[in-house]
Amino acid sequence: MAMASVPAAPSSYGCAACGADLNLSAAHLYPADFYFEAGNKGTLSFSWVDESRLRFAPEDRIRPFFETLDYWGIQRKRTRISCDACGCLLGYVYDDGPPVMQGTGQFGMGPSQVIPRRPRYRFKIKAVAATSSPPAAAAAYGK
């Protein structure tokens, strides 16, 4: 009885537009069911990226939402991530990752918006292409 081969999980990701290697390792990928305040639909979230292969541009936007006379809108701060080779938009950096601190905090409270959080690098699934590197033994023998 022959066993069906299971496709290998991608070990690295590159730009889908130009094919440049972005050095995005699957080892730094958050699980698909990990909760984030900004959501996780249609994206891949990484805890670390190689900043030398990407361009970052801060984006500060206020969306008008007039509830009262004193309330001007919702301010959203995020950073755009683009491919350094072709300039294609890949995703955004959000500050809704795991909290930087461990434990219950200064006043015995759990993590909240006040506690600084690690950045989360959120890439659009359509903007990155999965690449799997060959096994080390096959690469050593040139196969």
N, C-alpha and C. Protein backbone atom coordinates (compact mmCIF):
# COMPACT_ATOMS: atom_id res chain seq x y z
N MET A 1 0.84 -1.17 0.00
CA MET A 1 0.00 0.00 0.00
C MET A 1 0.88 1.23 0.00
N ALA A 2 0.75 2.07 -1.01
CA ALA A 2 1.59 3.27 -1.13
C ALA A 2 1.01 4.38 -0.27
N MET A 3 1.91 5.09 0.37
CA MET A 3 1.48 6.21 1.22
C MET A 3 1.50 7.48 0.38
N ALA A 4 0.50 8.33 0.57
CA ALA A 4 0.44 9.60 -0.15
C ALA A 4 1.46 10.55 0.46
N SER A 5 2.16 11.25 -0.39
CA SER A 5 3.15 12.20 0.12
C SER A 5 2.45 13.49 0.53
N VAL A 6 2.86 13.98 1.67
CA VAL A 6 2.30 15.21 2.19
C VAL A 6 3.17 16.37 1.71
N PRO A 7 2.58 17.42 1.12
CA PRO A 7 3.41 18.52 0.65
C PRO A 7 4.11 19.20 1.81
N ALA A 8 5.36 19.55 1.58
CA ALA A 8 6.15 20.20 2.62
C ALA A 8 5.65 21.61 2.85
N ALA A 9 5.66 22.01 4.11
CA ALA A 9 5.26 23.37 4.46
C ALA A 9 6.32 24.34 3.93
N PRO A 10 5.90 25.50 3.46
CA PRO A 10 6.89 26.43 2.95
C PRO A 10 7.82 26.89 4.06
N SER A 11 9.09 26.98 3.74
CA SER A 11 10.07 27.40 4.74
C SER A 11 10.42 28.87 4.60
N SER A 12 10.08 29.46 3.46
CA SER A 12 10.43 30.85 3.21
C SER A 12 9.39 31.47 2.28
N TYR A 13 9.35 32.80 2.28
CA TYR A 13 8.40 33.53 1.44
C TYR A 13 9.14 34.61 0.66
N GLY A 14 8.65 34.88 -0.57
CA GLY A 14 9.23 35.91 -1.42
C GLY A 14 8.14 36.79 -1.99
N CYS A 15 8.53 37.83 -2.71
CA CYS A 15 7.58 38.76 -3.32
C CYS A 15 6.88 38.07 -4.48
N ALA A 16 5.55 38.16 -4.52
CA ALA A 16 4.79 37.52 -5.59
C ALA A 16 4.91 38.30 -6.90
N ALA A 17 5.17 39.60 -6.84
CA ALA A 17 5.23 40.42 -8.05
C ALA A 17 6.54 40.23 -8.81
N CYS A 18 7.67 40.28 -8.10
CA CYS A 18 8.97 40.21 -8.80
C CYS A 18 9.78 38.96 -8.48
N GLY A 19 9.35 38.18 -7.48
CA GLY A 19 10.06 36.95 -7.14
C GLY A 19 11.25 37.14 -6.23
N ALA A 20 11.49 38.35 -5.73
CA ALA A 20 12.64 38.60 -4.85
C ALA A 20 12.47 37.86 -3.53
N ASP A 21 13.57 37.32 -3.03
CA ASP A 21 13.55 36.62 -1.75
C ASP A 21 13.46 37.66 -0.63
N LEU A 22 12.43 37.56 0.20
CA LEU A 22 12.23 38.52 1.29
C LEU A 22 12.79 38.02 2.61
N ASN A 23 13.32 36.80 2.63
CA ASN A 23 13.88 36.19 3.82
C ASN A 23 12.85 36.15 4.95
N LEU A 24 11.61 35.85 4.61
CA LEU A 24 10.54 35.68 5.61
C LEU A 24 10.50 34.20 5.97
N SER A 25 10.93 33.88 7.16
CA SER A 25 11.00 32.49 7.58
C SER A 25 9.70 32.03 8.23
N ALA A 26 9.30 30.82 7.94
CA ALA A 26 8.10 30.24 8.56
C ALA A 26 8.30 30.03 10.05
N ALA A 27 9.55 30.06 10.52
CA ALA A 27 9.82 29.92 11.95
C ALA A 27 9.30 31.12 12.74
N HIS A 28 9.16 32.27 12.09
CA HIS A 28 8.69 33.49 12.74
C HIS A 28 7.22 33.78 12.45
N LEU A 29 6.51 32.82 11.90
CA LEU A 29 5.11 32.98 11.53
C LEU A 29 4.21 32.68 12.73
N TYR A 30 3.27 33.60 13.00
CA TYR A 30 2.29 33.35 14.07
C TYR A 30 1.32 32.27 13.60
N PRO A 31 0.76 31.47 14.52
CA PRO A 31 -0.23 30.48 14.12
C PRO A 31 -1.47 31.14 13.51
N ALA A 32 -2.17 30.42 12.65
CA ALA A 32 -3.32 30.98 11.94
C ALA A 32 -4.46 31.35 12.89
N ASP A 33 -4.57 30.67 14.03
CA ASP A 33 -5.66 30.95 14.96
C ASP A 33 -5.26 31.92 16.07
N PHE A 34 -4.11 32.56 15.97
CA PHE A 34 -3.65 33.52 16.99
C PHE A 34 -4.52 34.77 16.91
N TYR A 35 -4.98 35.28 18.05
CA TYR A 35 -5.90 36.42 18.08
C TYR A 35 -5.14 37.74 18.01
N PHE A 36 -5.58 38.62 17.12
CA PHE A 36 -5.07 39.98 17.02
C PHE A 36 -6.24 40.94 16.98
N GLU A 37 -6.06 42.14 17.56
CA GLU A 37 -7.14 43.12 17.58
C GLU A 37 -7.49 43.62 16.19
N ALA A 38 -6.51 43.70 15.30
CA ALA A 38 -6.75 44.19 13.94
C ALA A 38 -7.19 43.06 13.01
N GLY A 39 -7.36 41.87 13.52
CA GLY A 39 -7.78 40.75 12.69
C GLY A 39 -6.62 40.05 12.02
N ASN A 40 -6.93 38.97 11.32
CA ASN A 40 -5.89 38.19 10.67
C ASN A 40 -6.39 37.56 9.38
N LYS A 41 -7.49 38.07 8.83
CA LYS A 41 -8.12 37.47 7.66
C LYS A 41 -7.33 37.80 6.39
N GLY A 42 -6.98 36.78 5.63
CA GLY A 42 -6.30 36.97 4.36
C GLY A 42 -4.87 37.46 4.47
N THR A 43 -4.25 37.25 5.65
CA THR A 43 -2.89 37.72 5.85
C THR A 43 -2.04 36.65 6.54
N LEU A 44 -0.74 36.85 6.46
CA LEU A 44 0.23 36.06 7.21
C LEU A 44 0.91 37.03 8.17
N SER A 45 1.01 36.68 9.44
CA SER A 45 1.59 37.57 10.44
C SER A 45 2.91 36.99 10.94
N PHE A 46 3.96 37.81 10.89
CA PHE A 46 5.29 37.42 11.32
C PHE A 46 5.71 38.22 12.55
N SER A 47 6.51 37.60 13.41
CA SER A 47 7.02 38.29 14.59
C SER A 47 8.34 38.99 14.31
N TRP A 48 9.04 38.61 13.23
CA TRP A 48 10.32 39.21 12.87
C TRP A 48 10.47 39.18 11.35
N VAL A 49 11.08 40.22 10.79
CA VAL A 49 11.38 40.27 9.36
C VAL A 49 12.79 40.80 9.16
N ASP A 50 13.37 40.52 8.01
CA ASP A 50 14.67 41.05 7.63
C ASP A 50 14.44 42.44 7.03
N GLU A 51 14.71 43.48 7.80
CA GLU A 51 14.39 44.85 7.38
C GLU A 51 15.25 45.33 6.21
N SER A 52 16.36 44.64 5.90
CA SER A 52 17.21 45.07 4.80
C SER A 52 16.58 44.77 3.43
N ARG A 53 15.58 43.91 3.38
CA ARG A 53 14.94 43.54 2.11
C ARG A 53 13.58 44.19 1.91
N LEU A 54 13.21 45.07 2.83
CA LEU A 54 11.90 45.70 2.78
C LEU A 54 12.03 47.22 2.92
N ARG A 55 11.01 47.95 2.45
CA ARG A 55 10.91 49.40 2.66
C ARG A 55 9.76 49.67 3.61
N PHE A 56 9.97 50.61 4.53
CA PHE A 56 8.94 50.97 5.49
C PHE A 56 8.59 52.44 5.33
N ALA A 57 7.30 52.75 5.32
CA ALA A 57 6.82 54.13 5.22
C ALA A 57 5.70 54.34 6.23
N PRO A 58 5.88 55.28 7.18
CA PRO A 58 4.82 55.51 8.16
C PRO A 58 3.57 56.10 7.52
N GLU A 59 2.43 55.70 8.03
CA GLU A 59 1.15 56.17 7.50
C GLU A 59 0.29 56.58 8.69
N ASP A 60 -0.13 57.84 8.72
CA ASP A 60 -0.94 58.37 9.80
C ASP A 60 -2.21 58.92 9.18
N ARG A 61 -3.34 58.36 9.54
CA ARG A 61 -4.58 58.72 8.88
C ARG A 61 -5.68 58.94 9.92
N ILE A 62 -6.48 59.96 9.72
CA ILE A 62 -7.63 60.18 10.59
C ILE A 62 -8.88 60.02 9.75
N ARG A 63 -9.73 59.10 10.16
CA ARG A 63 -11.00 58.89 9.46
C ARG A 63 -12.08 59.71 10.15
N PRO A 64 -12.77 60.54 9.41
CA PRO A 64 -13.81 61.36 10.04
C PRO A 64 -14.96 60.52 10.56
N PHE A 65 -15.31 60.78 11.79
CA PHE A 65 -16.42 60.10 12.41
C PHE A 65 -16.95 61.05 13.48
N PHE A 66 -18.00 61.76 13.18
CA PHE A 66 -18.47 62.82 14.06
C PHE A 66 -19.60 62.31 14.94
N GLU A 67 -19.26 61.95 16.15
CA GLU A 67 -20.26 61.50 17.10
C GLU A 67 -20.76 62.66 17.95
N THR A 68 -19.82 63.50 18.37
CA THR A 68 -20.16 64.72 19.11
C THR A 68 -19.34 65.86 18.52
N LEU A 69 -19.52 67.07 19.02
CA LEU A 69 -18.75 68.21 18.52
C LEU A 69 -17.28 68.12 18.89
N ASP A 70 -16.97 67.44 20.00
CA ASP A 70 -15.58 67.35 20.46
C ASP A 70 -14.83 66.14 19.89
N TYR A 71 -15.53 65.25 19.23
CA TYR A 71 -14.92 64.02 18.75
C TYR A 71 -14.65 64.17 17.25
N TRP A 72 -13.39 64.13 16.87
CA TRP A 72 -13.01 64.41 15.48
C TRP A 72 -12.89 63.17 14.61
N GLY A 73 -12.55 62.06 15.17
CA GLY A 73 -12.42 60.88 14.32
C GLY A 73 -11.55 59.81 14.94
N ILE A 74 -11.31 58.77 14.17
CA ILE A 74 -10.50 57.65 14.62
C ILE A 74 -9.14 57.78 13.97
N GLN A 75 -8.10 57.82 14.80
CA GLN A 75 -6.74 57.96 14.27
C GLN A 75 -6.11 56.57 14.17
N ARG A 76 -5.58 56.29 13.00
CA ARG A 76 -4.93 55.02 12.77
C ARG A 76 -3.48 55.26 12.38
N LYS A 77 -2.56 54.71 13.15
CA LYS A 77 -1.15 54.80 12.82
C LYS A 77 -0.67 53.40 12.46
N ARG A 78 -0.07 53.29 11.31
CA ARG A 78 0.51 52.03 10.88
C ARG A 78 1.66 52.33 9.93
N THR A 79 2.40 51.32 9.59
CA THR A 79 3.55 51.47 8.70
C THR A 79 3.37 50.55 7.50
N ARG A 80 3.53 51.11 6.30
CA ARG A 80 3.41 50.32 5.08
C ARG A 80 4.69 49.53 4.86
N ILE A 81 4.55 48.28 4.40
CA ILE A 81 5.69 47.43 4.06
C ILE A 81 5.67 47.23 2.55
N SER A 82 6.78 47.56 1.89
CA SER A 82 6.90 47.38 0.44
C SER A 82 8.14 46.56 0.13
N CYS A 83 8.13 45.90 -1.02
CA CYS A 83 9.30 45.15 -1.49
C CYS A 83 10.40 46.14 -1.86
N ASP A 84 11.61 45.90 -1.42
CA ASP A 84 12.72 46.80 -1.73
C ASP A 84 13.11 46.71 -3.19
N ALA A 85 12.89 45.56 -3.83
CA ALA A 85 13.29 45.37 -5.22
C ALA A 85 12.34 46.04 -6.21
N CYS A 86 11.02 45.86 -6.02
CA CYS A 86 10.07 46.39 -7.00
C CYS A 86 9.13 47.46 -6.45
N GLY A 87 9.07 47.64 -5.14
CA GLY A 87 8.21 48.67 -4.55
C GLY A 87 6.76 48.26 -4.39
N CYS A 88 6.43 46.99 -4.61
CA CYS A 88 5.05 46.50 -4.49
C CYS A 88 4.63 46.48 -3.01
N LEU A 89 3.40 46.93 -2.74
CA LEU A 89 2.87 46.91 -1.37
C LEU A 89 2.66 45.47 -0.92
N LEU A 90 3.27 45.12 0.21
CA LEU A 90 3.18 43.76 0.73
C LEU A 90 2.25 43.66 1.93
N GLY A 91 2.18 44.72 2.75
CA GLY A 91 1.36 44.66 3.96
C GLY A 91 1.63 45.84 4.86
N TYR A 92 1.38 45.64 6.16
CA TYR A 92 1.50 46.72 7.13
C TYR A 92 2.08 46.18 8.44
N VAL A 93 2.66 47.09 9.23
CA VAL A 93 3.13 46.77 10.57
C VAL A 93 2.10 47.31 11.56
N TYR A 94 1.64 46.45 12.45
CA TYR A 94 0.69 46.84 13.50
C TYR A 94 1.33 46.61 14.86
N ASP A 95 0.91 47.37 15.83
CA ASP A 95 1.42 47.22 17.20
C ASP A 95 0.41 46.49 18.07
N ASP A 96 -0.12 45.38 17.59
CA ASP A 96 -1.08 44.61 18.37
C ASP A 96 -0.58 43.18 18.61
N GLY A 97 0.74 43.01 18.61
CA GLY A 97 1.32 41.70 18.88
C GLY A 97 1.27 41.37 20.36
N PRO A 98 1.97 40.33 20.77
CA PRO A 98 1.99 39.96 22.19
C PRO A 98 2.60 41.08 23.03
N PRO A 99 2.19 41.19 24.30
CA PRO A 99 2.75 42.26 25.15
C PRO A 99 4.24 42.05 25.38
N VAL A 100 4.96 43.17 25.51
CA VAL A 100 6.40 43.13 25.75
C VAL A 100 6.67 42.59 27.15
N MET A 101 5.81 42.96 28.10
CA MET A 101 6.02 42.56 29.49
C MET A 101 5.45 41.17 29.77
N GLN A 102 5.93 40.56 30.81
CA GLN A 102 5.42 39.29 31.29
C GLN A 102 4.79 39.51 32.66
N GLY A 103 3.83 38.71 33.03
CA GLY A 103 3.24 38.83 34.36
C GLY A 103 1.99 39.67 34.35
N THR A 104 1.64 40.19 35.51
CA THR A 104 0.38 40.90 35.68
C THR A 104 0.50 42.40 35.65
N GLY A 105 1.67 42.96 35.53
CA GLY A 105 1.82 44.41 35.43
C GLY A 105 2.01 45.07 36.78
N GLN A 106 2.15 46.38 36.75
CA GLN A 106 2.47 47.16 37.94
C GLN A 106 1.36 47.13 38.98
N PHE A 107 0.11 47.20 38.56
CA PHE A 107 -1.01 47.26 39.49
C PHE A 107 -1.78 45.95 39.55
N GLY A 108 -1.18 44.86 39.13
CA GLY A 108 -1.82 43.57 39.17
C GLY A 108 -2.86 43.35 38.09
N MET A 109 -2.81 44.19 37.04
CA MET A 109 -3.76 44.05 35.94
C MET A 109 -3.09 43.32 34.79
N GLY A 110 -3.89 42.70 33.97
CA GLY A 110 -3.37 41.99 32.81
C GLY A 110 -2.99 42.94 31.69
N PRO A 111 -2.50 42.41 30.57
CA PRO A 111 -2.12 43.25 29.44
C PRO A 111 -3.31 44.05 28.90
N SER A 112 -3.06 45.26 28.50
CA SER A 112 -4.10 46.12 27.93
C SER A 112 -3.47 47.00 26.87
N GLN A 113 -4.22 47.99 26.39
CA GLN A 113 -3.70 48.90 25.36
C GLN A 113 -2.57 49.76 25.89
N VAL A 114 -2.52 49.99 27.19
CA VAL A 114 -1.52 50.87 27.77
C VAL A 114 -0.16 50.19 27.79
N ILE A 115 -0.15 48.89 27.88
CA ILE A 115 1.10 48.14 27.94
C ILE A 115 1.68 48.03 26.53
N PRO A 116 2.97 48.37 26.37
CA PRO A 116 3.56 48.29 25.02
C PRO A 116 3.54 46.87 24.48
N ARG A 117 3.30 46.78 23.17
CA ARG A 117 3.21 45.48 22.51
C ARG A 117 4.27 45.36 21.43
N ARG A 118 4.62 44.12 21.12
CA ARG A 118 5.59 43.86 20.05
C ARG A 118 4.95 44.15 18.70
N PRO A 119 5.74 44.57 17.74
CA PRO A 119 5.17 44.80 16.40
C PRO A 119 4.79 43.48 15.73
N ARG A 120 3.76 43.55 14.91
CA ARG A 120 3.33 42.40 14.12
C ARG A 120 3.42 42.80 12.66
N TYR A 121 4.19 42.05 11.90
CA TYR A 121 4.37 42.32 10.48
C TYR A 121 3.32 41.50 9.73
N ARG A 122 2.33 42.20 9.17
CA ARG A 122 1.17 41.55 8.55
C ARG A 122 1.26 41.67 7.03
N PHE A 123 1.47 40.54 6.36
CA PHE A 123 1.63 40.51 4.90
C PHE A 123 0.37 39.96 4.26
N LYS A 124 -0.04 40.54 3.14
CA LYS A 124 -1.18 40.02 2.39
C LYS A 124 -0.78 38.70 1.75
N ILE A 125 -1.67 37.73 1.81
CA ILE A 125 -1.37 36.40 1.25
C ILE A 125 -1.10 36.49 -0.25
N LYS A 126 -1.83 37.37 -0.95
CA LYS A 126 -1.65 37.51 -2.40
C LYS A 126 -0.35 38.22 -2.77
N ALA A 127 0.27 38.92 -1.82
CA ALA A 127 1.47 39.69 -2.13
C ALA A 127 2.76 38.90 -1.93
N VAL A 128 2.69 37.77 -1.23
CA VAL A 128 3.88 36.96 -1.01
C VAL A 128 3.67 35.57 -1.62
N ALA A 129 4.76 34.98 -2.07
CA ALA A 129 4.72 33.64 -2.66
C ALA A 129 5.56 32.71 -1.80
N ALA A 130 5.02 31.54 -1.50
CA ALA A 130 5.73 30.56 -0.69
C ALA A 130 6.80 29.88 -1.52
N THR A 131 7.97 29.77 -0.95
CA THR A 131 9.08 29.04 -1.58
C THR A 131 9.61 28.07 -0.55
N SER A 132 9.93 26.88 -0.96
CA SER A 132 10.52 25.92 -0.03
C SER A 132 11.93 25.63 -0.50
N SER A 133 12.87 25.74 0.42
CA SER A 133 14.26 25.49 0.07
C SER A 133 14.49 23.99 0.00
N PRO A 134 15.43 23.54 -0.84
CA PRO A 134 15.70 22.10 -0.94
C PRO A 134 16.30 21.58 0.35
N PRO A 135 16.13 20.30 0.65
CA PRO A 135 16.75 19.74 1.85
C PRO A 135 18.25 19.90 1.82
N ALA A 136 18.87 20.00 2.99
CA ALA A 136 20.30 20.28 3.08
C ALA A 136 21.14 19.17 2.43
N ALA A 137 20.71 17.91 2.56
CA ALA A 137 21.48 16.81 1.97
C ALA A 137 21.47 16.88 0.45
N ALA A 138 20.31 17.19 -0.14
CA ALA A 138 20.22 17.26 -1.60
C ALA A 138 20.98 18.47 -2.12
N ALA A 139 20.99 19.55 -1.37
CA ALA A 139 21.73 20.75 -1.80
C ALA A 139 23.24 20.49 -1.73
N ALA A 140 23.67 19.70 -0.75
CA ALA A 140 25.10 19.44 -0.61
C ALA A 140 25.63 18.59 -1.75
N TYR A 141 24.80 17.71 -2.28
CA TYR A 141 25.22 16.84 -3.38
C TYR A 141 24.87 17.40 -4.76
N GLY A 142 24.26 18.57 -4.79
CA GLY A 142 23.94 19.21 -6.06
C GLY A 142 22.76 18.60 -6.77
N LYS A 143 21.85 17.99 -6.06
CA LYS A 143 20.68 17.36 -6.67
C LYS A 143 19.51 18.28 -6.60
